[in-house]
Every structure is written in structure tokens, then in C-alpha cells.
């Protein structure tokens, strides 16, 4: 089953291929201008940089990055530990 993230620009990223997600300063280009911002940036297995989200303030970007990492941990890194007998299967 493919597991995907839809970026701010509508691109679809298979998150099984992501190896890291962090916050970095980025330059965002539009048709008429460029602007400095902060971005949630992922790197895939080919070391390709993928801009997942951006905003002018680091607080918003950090909050989105934390939520994305929490979601990734619950979705793609869920582990059932037979020794602990987890009640909900994780």
C-alpha cells in the first residue's frame, strides 16, 4: 500500500522513501517574486530535497514539522512489541 504526503504545492511524496524531515531556511519562488521563509524539508533515499511546507515564521513551520513527525511515527514506524503485549496493537 502506498503511503503518501501531499505537499503545500500539491505534489505527492511516498513517505516510505523519506529518510529525514527537518526545518530549514528556504527561498520560495513564485511567478513574480522570491521570498525568504522557513520550510519543512524532507530528504529522500536519493538525497533529493523536498519542500513539504513553508511559512514566513519559524513557529508555524516548527509546529507543522512536529505534527508531521508525530504522524509519521504513528503511521510508518508503528511497531507491535509482542513482549509488551500492547493493548491497541502498537
N, C-alpha and C. Protein backbone atom coordinates (compact mmCIF):
# COMPACT_ATOMS: atom_id res chain seq x y z
N UNK A 1 0.85 -1.16 0.00
CA UNK A 1 0.00 0.00 0.00
C UNK A 1 0.90 1.23 0.00
N UNK A 2 0.65 2.15 -0.93
CA UNK A 2 1.42 3.40 -0.99
C UNK A 2 0.96 4.31 0.14
N UNK A 3 1.92 4.95 0.76
CA UNK A 3 1.63 5.90 1.83
C UNK A 3 2.19 7.23 1.40
N UNK A 4 1.34 8.25 1.38
CA UNK A 4 1.72 9.50 0.74
C UNK A 4 1.53 10.72 1.62
N UNK A 5 2.34 11.74 1.31
CA UNK A 5 2.21 13.06 1.88
C UNK A 5 1.92 13.98 0.70
N UNK A 6 0.93 14.85 0.82
CA UNK A 6 0.66 15.85 -0.20
C UNK A 6 1.28 17.15 0.28
N UNK A 7 2.22 17.69 -0.51
CA UNK A 7 2.95 18.90 -0.12
C UNK A 7 2.08 20.14 -0.30
N UNK A 8 2.61 21.28 0.15
CA UNK A 8 1.90 22.55 0.04
C UNK A 8 1.55 22.86 -1.42
N UNK A 9 2.37 22.38 -2.35
CA UNK A 9 2.14 22.67 -3.77
C UNK A 9 1.33 21.59 -4.49
N UNK A 10 0.88 20.59 -3.74
CA UNK A 10 0.06 19.53 -4.31
C UNK A 10 0.84 18.34 -4.83
N UNK A 11 2.16 18.35 -4.69
CA UNK A 11 2.96 17.19 -5.08
C UNK A 11 2.71 16.04 -4.11
N UNK A 12 2.80 14.82 -4.60
CA UNK A 12 2.60 13.65 -3.77
C UNK A 12 3.96 12.99 -3.53
N UNK A 13 4.29 12.76 -2.26
CA UNK A 13 5.56 12.16 -1.87
C UNK A 13 5.26 10.84 -1.17
N UNK A 14 5.89 9.76 -1.61
CA UNK A 14 5.77 8.48 -0.94
C UNK A 14 6.64 8.54 0.31
N UNK A 15 6.04 8.54 1.48
CA UNK A 15 6.85 8.76 2.68
C UNK A 15 7.69 7.55 3.08
N UNK A 16 7.50 6.41 2.45
CA UNK A 16 8.41 5.29 2.69
C UNK A 16 9.82 5.63 2.20
N UNK A 17 9.93 6.59 1.28
CA UNK A 17 11.22 6.96 0.73
C UNK A 17 11.90 8.10 1.49
N UNK A 18 11.23 8.71 2.46
CA UNK A 18 11.85 9.79 3.23
C UNK A 18 12.84 9.23 4.23
N UNK A 19 14.00 9.87 4.33
CA UNK A 19 14.98 9.44 5.33
C UNK A 19 15.15 10.48 6.43
N UNK A 20 14.73 11.73 6.17
CA UNK A 20 14.78 12.74 7.22
C UNK A 20 13.78 13.84 6.93
N UNK A 21 13.34 14.50 8.00
CA UNK A 21 12.43 15.65 7.90
C UNK A 21 12.91 16.66 8.92
N UNK A 22 13.12 17.90 8.48
CA UNK A 22 13.59 18.94 9.39
C UNK A 22 13.11 20.30 8.98
N UNK A 23 13.56 21.32 9.70
CA UNK A 23 13.23 22.71 9.42
C UNK A 23 14.49 23.41 8.93
N UNK A 24 14.37 24.12 7.81
CA UNK A 24 15.50 24.83 7.22
C UNK A 24 15.03 26.17 6.66
N UNK A 25 15.93 27.16 6.59
CA UNK A 25 15.60 28.37 5.83
C UNK A 25 15.50 28.00 4.34
N UNK A 26 14.53 28.56 3.65
CA UNK A 26 14.33 28.26 2.23
C UNK A 26 14.04 29.55 1.47
N UNK A 27 14.24 29.51 0.18
CA UNK A 27 13.84 30.59 -0.71
C UNK A 27 12.66 30.07 -1.52
N UNK A 28 11.55 30.80 -1.45
CA UNK A 28 10.33 30.39 -2.13
C UNK A 28 10.14 31.29 -3.34
N UNK A 29 10.03 30.67 -4.49
CA UNK A 29 9.87 31.42 -5.74
C UNK A 29 8.43 31.31 -6.23
N UNK A 30 7.90 32.44 -6.66
CA UNK A 30 6.60 32.45 -7.33
C UNK A 30 6.80 33.07 -8.70
N UNK A 31 5.74 33.28 -9.43
CA UNK A 31 5.86 33.83 -10.78
C UNK A 31 6.50 35.22 -10.78
N UNK A 32 6.20 36.03 -9.76
CA UNK A 32 6.63 37.42 -9.77
C UNK A 32 7.70 37.77 -8.76
N UNK A 33 8.02 36.86 -7.86
CA UNK A 33 8.96 37.25 -6.81
C UNK A 33 9.61 36.04 -6.15
N UNK A 34 10.58 36.36 -5.29
CA UNK A 34 11.17 35.35 -4.42
C UNK A 34 11.12 35.90 -3.01
N UNK A 35 11.03 34.99 -2.04
CA UNK A 35 10.96 35.41 -0.64
C UNK A 35 11.70 34.40 0.22
N UNK A 36 12.30 34.90 1.28
CA UNK A 36 12.92 34.00 2.25
C UNK A 36 11.87 33.56 3.24
N UNK A 37 11.94 32.31 3.63
CA UNK A 37 10.96 31.74 4.56
C UNK A 37 11.64 30.60 5.30
N UNK A 38 10.86 29.90 6.09
CA UNK A 38 11.30 28.66 6.74
C UNK A 38 10.48 27.54 6.14
N UNK A 39 11.08 26.37 6.04
CA UNK A 39 10.35 25.27 5.43
C UNK A 39 10.53 23.97 6.17
N UNK A 40 9.50 23.12 6.07
CA UNK A 40 9.62 21.73 6.48
C UNK A 40 10.19 21.03 5.25
N UNK A 41 11.40 20.51 5.40
CA UNK A 41 12.12 19.93 4.28
C UNK A 41 12.38 18.45 4.55
N UNK A 42 12.08 17.64 3.57
CA UNK A 42 12.38 16.22 3.65
C UNK A 42 13.48 15.86 2.67
N UNK A 43 14.23 14.84 2.99
CA UNK A 43 15.22 14.29 2.07
C UNK A 43 14.86 12.84 1.83
N UNK A 44 14.89 12.45 0.55
CA UNK A 44 14.52 11.07 0.23
C UNK A 44 15.75 10.18 0.10
N UNK A 45 15.53 8.94 -0.29
CA UNK A 45 16.60 7.96 -0.36
C UNK A 45 17.66 8.31 -1.39
N UNK A 46 17.35 9.23 -2.32
CA UNK A 46 18.32 9.70 -3.31
C UNK A 46 18.96 11.02 -2.90
N UNK A 47 18.73 11.44 -1.65
CA UNK A 47 19.21 12.70 -1.11
C UNK A 47 18.63 13.91 -1.84
N UNK A 48 17.43 13.75 -2.38
CA UNK A 48 16.72 14.83 -3.04
C UNK A 48 15.99 15.64 -1.98
N UNK A 49 16.15 16.95 -2.02
CA UNK A 49 15.49 17.84 -1.07
C UNK A 49 14.06 18.09 -1.54
N UNK A 50 13.09 17.90 -0.64
CA UNK A 50 11.67 18.06 -0.97
C UNK A 50 11.08 19.07 0.01
N UNK A 51 10.61 20.20 -0.52
CA UNK A 51 9.96 21.21 0.31
C UNK A 51 8.52 20.78 0.55
N UNK A 52 8.21 20.41 1.79
CA UNK A 52 6.88 19.91 2.12
C UNK A 52 5.92 21.02 2.51
N UNK A 53 6.43 22.07 3.15
CA UNK A 53 5.61 23.17 3.64
C UNK A 53 6.52 24.35 3.90
N UNK A 54 6.00 25.57 3.77
CA UNK A 54 6.78 26.76 4.13
C UNK A 54 5.87 27.84 4.68
N UNK A 55 6.47 28.72 5.48
CA UNK A 55 5.79 29.87 6.06
C UNK A 55 6.85 30.89 6.45
N UNK A 56 6.47 32.16 6.61
CA UNK A 56 7.46 33.18 6.95
C UNK A 56 7.96 33.10 8.40
N UNK A 57 7.18 32.47 9.28
CA UNK A 57 7.61 32.42 10.68
C UNK A 57 7.98 31.00 11.10
N UNK A 58 9.06 30.91 11.86
CA UNK A 58 9.60 29.61 12.24
C UNK A 58 8.68 28.86 13.20
N UNK A 59 7.88 29.58 13.98
CA UNK A 59 6.98 28.91 14.92
C UNK A 59 5.95 28.04 14.20
N UNK A 60 5.35 28.58 13.15
CA UNK A 60 4.36 27.81 12.37
C UNK A 60 5.01 26.61 11.72
N UNK A 61 6.19 26.81 11.15
CA UNK A 61 6.89 25.73 10.46
C UNK A 61 7.30 24.64 11.45
N UNK A 62 7.82 25.04 12.60
CA UNK A 62 8.22 24.06 13.61
C UNK A 62 7.02 23.26 14.10
N UNK A 63 5.89 23.92 14.29
CA UNK A 63 4.67 23.22 14.71
C UNK A 63 4.24 22.19 13.67
N UNK A 64 4.26 22.57 12.39
CA UNK A 64 3.89 21.63 11.33
C UNK A 64 4.88 20.47 11.25
N UNK A 65 6.16 20.75 11.42
CA UNK A 65 7.17 19.69 11.38
C UNK A 65 6.96 18.71 12.52
N UNK A 66 6.68 19.22 13.72
CA UNK A 66 6.44 18.33 14.86
C UNK A 66 5.21 17.46 14.64
N UNK A 67 4.14 18.05 14.08
CA UNK A 67 2.93 17.26 13.81
C UNK A 67 3.18 16.21 12.73
N UNK A 68 3.95 16.57 11.71
CA UNK A 68 4.26 15.62 10.66
C UNK A 68 5.10 14.46 11.20
N UNK A 69 6.10 14.76 12.00
CA UNK A 69 6.94 13.71 12.57
C UNK A 69 6.11 12.80 13.47
N UNK A 70 5.23 13.37 14.29
CA UNK A 70 4.37 12.55 15.16
C UNK A 70 3.49 11.64 14.31
N UNK A 71 2.94 12.17 13.22
CA UNK A 71 2.10 11.36 12.35
C UNK A 71 2.91 10.26 11.68
N UNK A 72 4.10 10.60 11.19
CA UNK A 72 4.96 9.59 10.57
C UNK A 72 5.31 8.48 11.56
N UNK A 73 5.60 8.86 12.79
CA UNK A 73 5.93 7.86 13.79
C UNK A 73 4.76 6.94 14.07
N UNK A 74 3.55 7.49 14.07
CA UNK A 74 2.39 6.65 14.35
C UNK A 74 2.00 5.81 13.15
N UNK A 75 2.28 6.28 11.94
CA UNK A 75 1.88 5.57 10.73
C UNK A 75 2.94 4.62 10.20
N UNK A 76 4.12 5.14 9.93
CA UNK A 76 5.10 4.33 9.24
C UNK A 76 6.07 3.61 10.15
N UNK A 77 6.15 4.02 11.38
CA UNK A 77 7.11 3.40 12.28
C UNK A 77 6.43 2.66 13.42
N UNK A 78 5.12 2.40 13.27
CA UNK A 78 4.41 1.68 14.31
C UNK A 78 4.96 0.27 14.42
N UNK A 79 5.14 -0.15 15.65
CA UNK A 79 5.72 -1.47 15.90
C UNK A 79 4.90 -2.18 16.96
N UNK A 80 4.57 -3.41 16.71
CA UNK A 80 3.91 -4.21 17.73
C UNK A 80 4.99 -4.97 18.48
N UNK A 81 5.04 -4.76 19.78
CA UNK A 81 6.01 -5.44 20.62
C UNK A 81 5.32 -6.59 21.32
N UNK A 82 5.56 -7.80 20.86
CA UNK A 82 4.91 -8.98 21.41
C UNK A 82 5.24 -9.13 22.90
N UNK A 83 6.45 -8.77 23.30
CA UNK A 83 6.87 -8.92 24.69
C UNK A 83 6.08 -8.02 25.63
N UNK A 84 5.65 -6.84 25.13
CA UNK A 84 4.90 -5.91 25.98
C UNK A 84 3.40 -6.14 25.90
N UNK A 85 2.92 -6.85 24.86
CA UNK A 85 1.51 -7.12 24.71
C UNK A 85 0.67 -5.87 24.66
N UNK A 86 1.04 -4.95 23.79
CA UNK A 86 0.35 -3.66 23.69
C UNK A 86 -1.14 -3.87 23.46
N UNK A 87 -1.95 -3.11 24.16
CA UNK A 87 -3.41 -3.28 24.10
C UNK A 87 -3.99 -2.87 22.76
N UNK A 88 -3.46 -1.80 22.14
CA UNK A 88 -4.03 -1.32 20.89
C UNK A 88 -3.31 -1.86 19.66
N UNK A 89 -2.41 -2.80 19.84
CA UNK A 89 -1.71 -3.41 18.72
C UNK A 89 -0.45 -2.71 18.30
N UNK A 90 -0.09 -1.64 19.00
CA UNK A 90 1.14 -0.92 18.65
C UNK A 90 2.16 -1.07 19.75
